[in-house]
Amino acid sequence: MSVTNAISGLTAAGGLFVIGGGIIPYTIPQFLGSIAVLISSVNIFGGFLISKRMLDMFRRPTDPPEYSYLYTMSGAGMVGSLLYANYSGVPHIELMGYLTSAVLCIGAIVGLAS
């Protein structure tokens, strides 16, 4: 599962680079990049969903509850702020999004390693 999620993550990142920070695709490569991001996102979400179901099989009744829905708050905040900045006319905001995503990814890897 993690290998297919990694491949889909690379496909999604490549599609985001092809899109170039725009929201509406204007050219055929941007349209294809948007489709690649959509399909990769569905595949990544499905992979995490299946992985969670598999891990839930080993869950004990005495384990504390998980609050996974709280993770969506930070993602929605980041996406919302990037969309607001894009509509406000901030130049090269997609580069700030790439930088923020990279820093958060490194932080997640450090958190998993500890």
N, C-alpha and C. Protein backbone atom coordinates (compact mmCIF):
# COMPACT_ATOMS: atom_id res chain seq x y z
N MET A 1 0.80 -1.19 0.00
CA MET A 1 0.00 0.00 0.00
C MET A 1 0.85 1.26 0.00
N SER A 2 1.92 1.25 0.80
CA SER A 2 2.73 2.47 0.89
C SER A 2 3.45 2.75 -0.41
N VAL A 3 3.78 1.71 -1.17
CA VAL A 3 4.47 1.92 -2.45
C VAL A 3 3.52 2.57 -3.45
N THR A 4 2.29 2.10 -3.52
CA THR A 4 1.34 2.72 -4.45
C THR A 4 1.00 4.13 -4.02
N ASN A 5 0.93 4.39 -2.69
CA ASN A 5 0.70 5.75 -2.24
C ASN A 5 1.88 6.65 -2.59
N ALA A 6 3.09 6.14 -2.51
CA ALA A 6 4.26 6.93 -2.87
C ALA A 6 4.27 7.25 -4.36
N ILE A 7 3.94 6.27 -5.18
CA ILE A 7 3.89 6.50 -6.64
C ILE A 7 2.79 7.50 -6.97
N SER A 8 1.63 7.36 -6.33
CA SER A 8 0.55 8.31 -6.57
C SER A 8 0.91 9.70 -6.07
N GLY A 9 1.67 9.77 -4.98
CA GLY A 9 2.13 11.06 -4.49
C GLY A 9 3.05 11.74 -5.48
N LEU A 10 3.93 10.96 -6.12
CA LEU A 10 4.80 11.54 -7.14
C LEU A 10 4.00 11.99 -8.36
N THR A 11 3.00 11.22 -8.73
CA THR A 11 2.14 11.61 -9.84
C THR A 11 1.37 12.89 -9.52
N ALA A 12 0.88 12.99 -8.29
CA ALA A 12 0.15 14.19 -7.89
C ALA A 12 1.07 15.40 -7.87
N ALA A 13 2.29 15.23 -7.35
CA ALA A 13 3.24 16.35 -7.32
C ALA A 13 3.61 16.78 -8.74
N GLY A 14 3.83 15.81 -9.63
CA GLY A 14 4.12 16.16 -11.02
C GLY A 14 2.97 16.88 -11.68
N GLY A 15 1.75 16.43 -11.40
CA GLY A 15 0.57 17.10 -11.95
C GLY A 15 0.44 18.53 -11.44
N LEU A 16 0.78 18.74 -10.16
CA LEU A 16 0.74 20.09 -9.61
C LEU A 16 1.76 21.00 -10.28
N PHE A 17 2.93 20.46 -10.59
CA PHE A 17 3.93 21.26 -11.30
C PHE A 17 3.46 21.60 -12.72
N VAL A 18 2.78 20.65 -13.36
CA VAL A 18 2.28 20.91 -14.72
C VAL A 18 1.18 21.97 -14.69
N ILE A 19 0.34 21.92 -13.67
CA ILE A 19 -0.73 22.91 -13.55
C ILE A 19 -0.14 24.30 -13.39
N GLY A 20 0.93 24.42 -12.63
CA GLY A 20 1.62 25.69 -12.51
C GLY A 20 0.99 26.67 -11.56
N GLY A 21 0.21 26.22 -10.61
CA GLY A 21 -0.37 27.11 -9.62
C GLY A 21 -1.71 27.70 -9.98
N GLY A 22 -2.17 27.47 -11.19
CA GLY A 22 -3.49 27.98 -11.57
C GLY A 22 -4.59 27.09 -11.05
N ILE A 23 -5.76 27.66 -10.93
CA ILE A 23 -6.90 26.87 -10.44
C ILE A 23 -7.67 26.28 -11.61
N ILE A 24 -7.84 27.04 -12.67
CA ILE A 24 -8.57 26.57 -13.84
C ILE A 24 -7.56 26.25 -14.96
N PRO A 25 -7.59 25.03 -15.49
CA PRO A 25 -6.65 24.70 -16.56
C PRO A 25 -7.05 25.38 -17.88
N TYR A 26 -6.07 25.95 -18.56
CA TYR A 26 -6.33 26.65 -19.81
C TYR A 26 -5.75 25.92 -21.03
N THR A 27 -4.79 25.04 -20.80
CA THR A 27 -4.17 24.32 -21.91
C THR A 27 -4.40 22.83 -21.71
N ILE A 28 -4.11 22.07 -22.76
CA ILE A 28 -4.29 20.61 -22.67
C ILE A 28 -3.34 20.00 -21.64
N PRO A 29 -2.06 20.39 -21.57
CA PRO A 29 -1.21 19.82 -20.51
C PRO A 29 -1.70 20.15 -19.10
N GLN A 30 -2.21 21.36 -18.90
CA GLN A 30 -2.75 21.70 -17.59
C GLN A 30 -3.99 20.87 -17.28
N PHE A 31 -4.82 20.62 -18.28
CA PHE A 31 -6.01 19.79 -18.08
C PHE A 31 -5.60 18.36 -17.73
N LEU A 32 -4.62 17.82 -18.43
CA LEU A 32 -4.14 16.47 -18.12
C LEU A 32 -3.49 16.41 -16.74
N GLY A 33 -2.77 17.49 -16.38
CA GLY A 33 -2.19 17.55 -15.03
C GLY A 33 -3.26 17.57 -13.96
N SER A 34 -4.36 18.28 -14.22
CA SER A 34 -5.47 18.32 -13.27
C SER A 34 -6.10 16.95 -13.11
N ILE A 35 -6.25 16.23 -14.21
CA ILE A 35 -6.80 14.87 -14.14
C ILE A 35 -5.86 13.95 -13.37
N ALA A 36 -4.54 14.12 -13.59
CA ALA A 36 -3.56 13.29 -12.87
C ALA A 36 -3.63 13.56 -11.37
N VAL A 37 -3.77 14.82 -10.99
CA VAL A 37 -3.87 15.16 -9.57
C VAL A 37 -5.15 14.58 -8.98
N LEU A 38 -6.25 14.67 -9.71
CA LEU A 38 -7.53 14.14 -9.21
C LEU A 38 -7.46 12.62 -9.02
N ILE A 39 -7.00 11.92 -10.03
CA ILE A 39 -6.95 10.46 -9.95
C ILE A 39 -5.96 10.01 -8.88
N SER A 40 -4.81 10.69 -8.78
CA SER A 40 -3.83 10.33 -7.76
C SER A 40 -4.37 10.59 -6.36
N SER A 41 -5.11 11.68 -6.20
CA SER A 41 -5.69 11.99 -4.89
C SER A 41 -6.71 10.93 -4.47
N VAL A 42 -7.51 10.50 -5.42
CA VAL A 42 -8.48 9.43 -5.12
C VAL A 42 -7.76 8.15 -4.74
N ASN A 43 -6.67 7.83 -5.45
CA ASN A 43 -5.91 6.62 -5.15
C ASN A 43 -5.24 6.72 -3.78
N ILE A 44 -4.68 7.87 -3.45
CA ILE A 44 -4.03 8.05 -2.15
C ILE A 44 -5.07 7.93 -1.03
N PHE A 45 -6.21 8.60 -1.20
CA PHE A 45 -7.26 8.54 -0.18
C PHE A 45 -7.74 7.10 0.01
N GLY A 46 -7.95 6.39 -1.09
CA GLY A 46 -8.37 4.99 -1.01
C GLY A 46 -7.34 4.11 -0.33
N GLY A 47 -6.06 4.37 -0.61
CA GLY A 47 -5.00 3.59 0.04
C GLY A 47 -4.97 3.80 1.54
N PHE A 48 -5.13 5.06 1.96
CA PHE A 48 -5.16 5.32 3.39
C PHE A 48 -6.41 4.72 4.03
N LEU A 49 -7.52 4.74 3.33
CA LEU A 49 -8.75 4.16 3.86
C LEU A 49 -8.61 2.65 4.05
N ILE A 50 -8.06 1.99 3.06
CA ILE A 50 -7.85 0.54 3.16
C ILE A 50 -6.85 0.21 4.26
N SER A 51 -5.77 1.00 4.35
CA SER A 51 -4.78 0.77 5.41
C SER A 51 -5.39 0.93 6.79
N LYS A 52 -6.26 1.94 6.95
CA LYS A 52 -6.92 2.14 8.24
C LYS A 52 -7.83 0.96 8.57
N ARG A 53 -8.54 0.47 7.59
CA ARG A 53 -9.41 -0.69 7.85
C ARG A 53 -8.59 -1.92 8.24
N MET A 54 -7.45 -2.10 7.59
CA MET A 54 -6.60 -3.24 7.93
C MET A 54 -6.04 -3.09 9.34
N LEU A 55 -5.63 -1.89 9.71
CA LEU A 55 -5.10 -1.67 11.06
C LEU A 55 -6.18 -1.77 12.12
N ASP A 56 -7.42 -1.41 11.77
CA ASP A 56 -8.52 -1.52 12.73
C ASP A 56 -8.83 -2.97 13.09
N MET A 57 -8.43 -3.92 12.24
CA MET A 57 -8.66 -5.33 12.57
C MET A 57 -7.85 -5.74 13.79
N PHE A 58 -6.73 -5.06 14.05
CA PHE A 58 -5.87 -5.41 15.17
C PHE A 58 -6.12 -4.52 16.39
N ARG A 59 -7.15 -3.73 16.35
CA ARG A 59 -7.47 -2.80 17.42
C ARG A 59 -8.17 -3.54 18.56
N ARG A 60 -7.74 -3.23 19.79
CA ARG A 60 -8.35 -3.83 20.99
C ARG A 60 -9.47 -2.92 21.49
N PRO A 61 -10.45 -3.46 22.17
CA PRO A 61 -11.52 -2.62 22.71
C PRO A 61 -11.02 -1.63 23.77
N THR A 62 -9.87 -1.91 24.39
CA THR A 62 -9.36 -1.04 25.45
C THR A 62 -8.48 0.09 24.91
N ASP A 63 -8.21 0.12 23.61
CA ASP A 63 -7.39 1.18 23.04
C ASP A 63 -8.13 2.51 23.09
N PRO A 64 -7.38 3.62 23.29
CA PRO A 64 -8.06 4.93 23.32
C PRO A 64 -8.61 5.30 21.95
N PRO A 65 -9.64 6.14 21.91
CA PRO A 65 -10.22 6.52 20.61
C PRO A 65 -9.27 7.41 19.82
N GLU A 66 -9.41 7.35 18.51
CA GLU A 66 -8.62 8.20 17.62
C GLU A 66 -9.50 9.33 17.11
N TYR A 67 -8.90 10.48 16.93
CA TYR A 67 -9.61 11.64 16.43
C TYR A 67 -8.98 12.04 15.10
N SER A 68 -9.12 11.19 14.10
CA SER A 68 -8.47 11.40 12.81
C SER A 68 -9.06 12.59 12.06
N TYR A 69 -10.31 12.92 12.33
CA TYR A 69 -10.93 14.03 11.60
C TYR A 69 -10.28 15.37 11.93
N LEU A 70 -9.53 15.45 13.02
CA LEU A 70 -8.86 16.70 13.36
C LEU A 70 -7.74 17.03 12.38
N TYR A 71 -7.22 16.03 11.67
CA TYR A 71 -6.17 16.29 10.69
C TYR A 71 -6.70 17.13 9.52
N THR A 72 -7.98 17.04 9.25
CA THR A 72 -8.53 17.79 8.13
C THR A 72 -8.56 19.29 8.40
N MET A 73 -8.54 19.68 9.66
CA MET A 73 -8.58 21.11 9.98
C MET A 73 -7.33 21.83 9.48
N SER A 74 -6.17 21.22 9.68
CA SER A 74 -4.94 21.87 9.22
C SER A 74 -4.87 21.87 7.69
N GLY A 75 -5.29 20.79 7.07
CA GLY A 75 -5.29 20.75 5.61
C GLY A 75 -6.26 21.75 5.01
N ALA A 76 -7.44 21.86 5.58
CA ALA A 76 -8.42 22.82 5.08
C ALA A 76 -7.93 24.25 5.29
N GLY A 77 -7.26 24.49 6.41
CA GLY A 77 -6.71 25.82 6.65
C GLY A 77 -5.64 26.20 5.66
N MET A 78 -4.77 25.23 5.33
CA MET A 78 -3.70 25.51 4.37
C MET A 78 -4.27 25.74 2.97
N VAL A 79 -5.17 24.87 2.54
CA VAL A 79 -5.76 25.02 1.21
C VAL A 79 -6.57 26.31 1.13
N GLY A 80 -7.32 26.61 2.17
CA GLY A 80 -8.10 27.84 2.17
C GLY A 80 -7.23 29.09 2.11
N SER A 81 -6.14 29.09 2.86
CA SER A 81 -5.26 30.26 2.83
C SER A 81 -4.57 30.40 1.48
N LEU A 82 -4.19 29.28 0.85
CA LEU A 82 -3.58 29.35 -0.47
C LEU A 82 -4.57 29.86 -1.52
N LEU A 83 -5.81 29.39 -1.45
CA LEU A 83 -6.82 29.87 -2.39
C LEU A 83 -7.12 31.35 -2.19
N TYR A 84 -7.20 31.78 -0.93
CA TYR A 84 -7.44 33.20 -0.66
C TYR A 84 -6.29 34.06 -1.19
N ALA A 85 -5.06 33.61 -0.95
CA ALA A 85 -3.91 34.38 -1.42
C ALA A 85 -3.86 34.39 -2.95
N ASN A 86 -4.25 33.29 -3.58
CA ASN A 86 -4.25 33.24 -5.04
C ASN A 86 -5.28 34.21 -5.62
N TYR A 87 -6.45 34.24 -5.02
CA TYR A 87 -7.49 35.17 -5.49
C TYR A 87 -7.15 36.62 -5.17
N SER A 88 -6.36 36.84 -4.12
CA SER A 88 -5.98 38.20 -3.74
C SER A 88 -4.88 38.76 -4.63
N GLY A 89 -4.24 37.91 -5.41
CA GLY A 89 -3.22 38.38 -6.33
C GLY A 89 -1.81 38.33 -5.78
N VAL A 90 -1.55 37.53 -4.76
CA VAL A 90 -0.19 37.40 -4.22
C VAL A 90 0.66 36.69 -5.27
N PRO A 91 1.80 37.28 -5.67
CA PRO A 91 2.61 36.66 -6.72
C PRO A 91 3.31 35.39 -6.23
N HIS A 92 3.33 34.38 -7.07
CA HIS A 92 4.04 33.12 -6.83
C HIS A 92 3.61 32.43 -5.53
N ILE A 93 2.34 32.45 -5.24
CA ILE A 93 1.86 31.83 -4.01
C ILE A 93 2.00 30.31 -4.06
N GLU A 94 1.99 29.74 -5.27
CA GLU A 94 2.14 28.29 -5.36
C GLU A 94 3.50 27.85 -4.86
N LEU A 95 4.52 28.69 -5.02
CA LEU A 95 5.85 28.35 -4.50
C LEU A 95 5.83 28.31 -2.98
N MET A 96 5.08 29.20 -2.35
CA MET A 96 4.95 29.17 -0.90
C MET A 96 4.20 27.91 -0.46
N GLY A 97 3.22 27.48 -1.26
CA GLY A 97 2.53 26.23 -0.96
C GLY A 97 3.45 25.03 -1.07
N TYR A 98 4.30 25.02 -2.09
CA TYR A 98 5.27 23.93 -2.23
C TYR A 98 6.23 23.91 -1.05
N LEU A 99 6.71 25.08 -0.65
CA LEU A 99 7.64 25.16 0.48
C LEU A 99 6.98 24.70 1.77
N THR A 100 5.75 25.13 2.00
CA THR A 100 5.04 24.73 3.21
C THR A 100 4.79 23.23 3.22
N SER A 101 4.41 22.67 2.08
CA SER A 101 4.18 21.23 1.99
C SER A 101 5.46 20.45 2.25
N ALA A 102 6.57 20.94 1.71
CA ALA A 102 7.85 20.25 1.92
C ALA A 102 8.26 20.29 3.39
N VAL A 103 8.09 21.44 4.04
CA VAL A 103 8.46 21.55 5.45
C VAL A 103 7.57 20.66 6.30
N LEU A 104 6.26 20.63 6.00
CA LEU A 104 5.36 19.76 6.76
C LEU A 104 5.66 18.29 6.53
N CYS A 105 6.07 17.93 5.32
CA CYS A 105 6.44 16.55 5.02
C CYS A 105 7.68 16.14 5.81
N ILE A 106 8.68 17.02 5.84
CA ILE A 106 9.88 16.72 6.60
C ILE A 106 9.55 16.61 8.09
N GLY A 107 8.68 17.50 8.58
CA GLY A 107 8.26 17.42 9.97
C GLY A 107 7.52 16.13 10.28
N ALA A 108 6.71 15.67 9.35
CA ALA A 108 5.99 14.40 9.55
C ALA A 108 6.95 13.23 9.58
N ILE A 109 7.96 13.25 8.72
CA ILE A 109 8.95 12.17 8.71
C ILE A 109 9.74 12.17 10.01
N VAL A 110 10.11 13.35 10.49
CA VAL A 110 10.82 13.45 11.77
C VAL A 110 9.94 12.94 12.90
N GLY A 111 8.66 13.30 12.87
CA GLY A 111 7.74 12.82 13.90
C GLY A 111 7.57 11.31 13.87
N LEU A 112 7.54 10.72 12.68
CA LEU A 112 7.42 9.27 12.58
C LEU A 112 8.69 8.57 13.03
N ALA A 113 9.83 9.21 12.83
CA ALA A 113 11.09 8.59 13.19
C ALA A 113 11.31 8.56 14.69
N SER A 114 10.66 9.49 15.40
CA SER A 114 10.93 9.55 16.86
C SER A 114 10.07 8.62 17.60
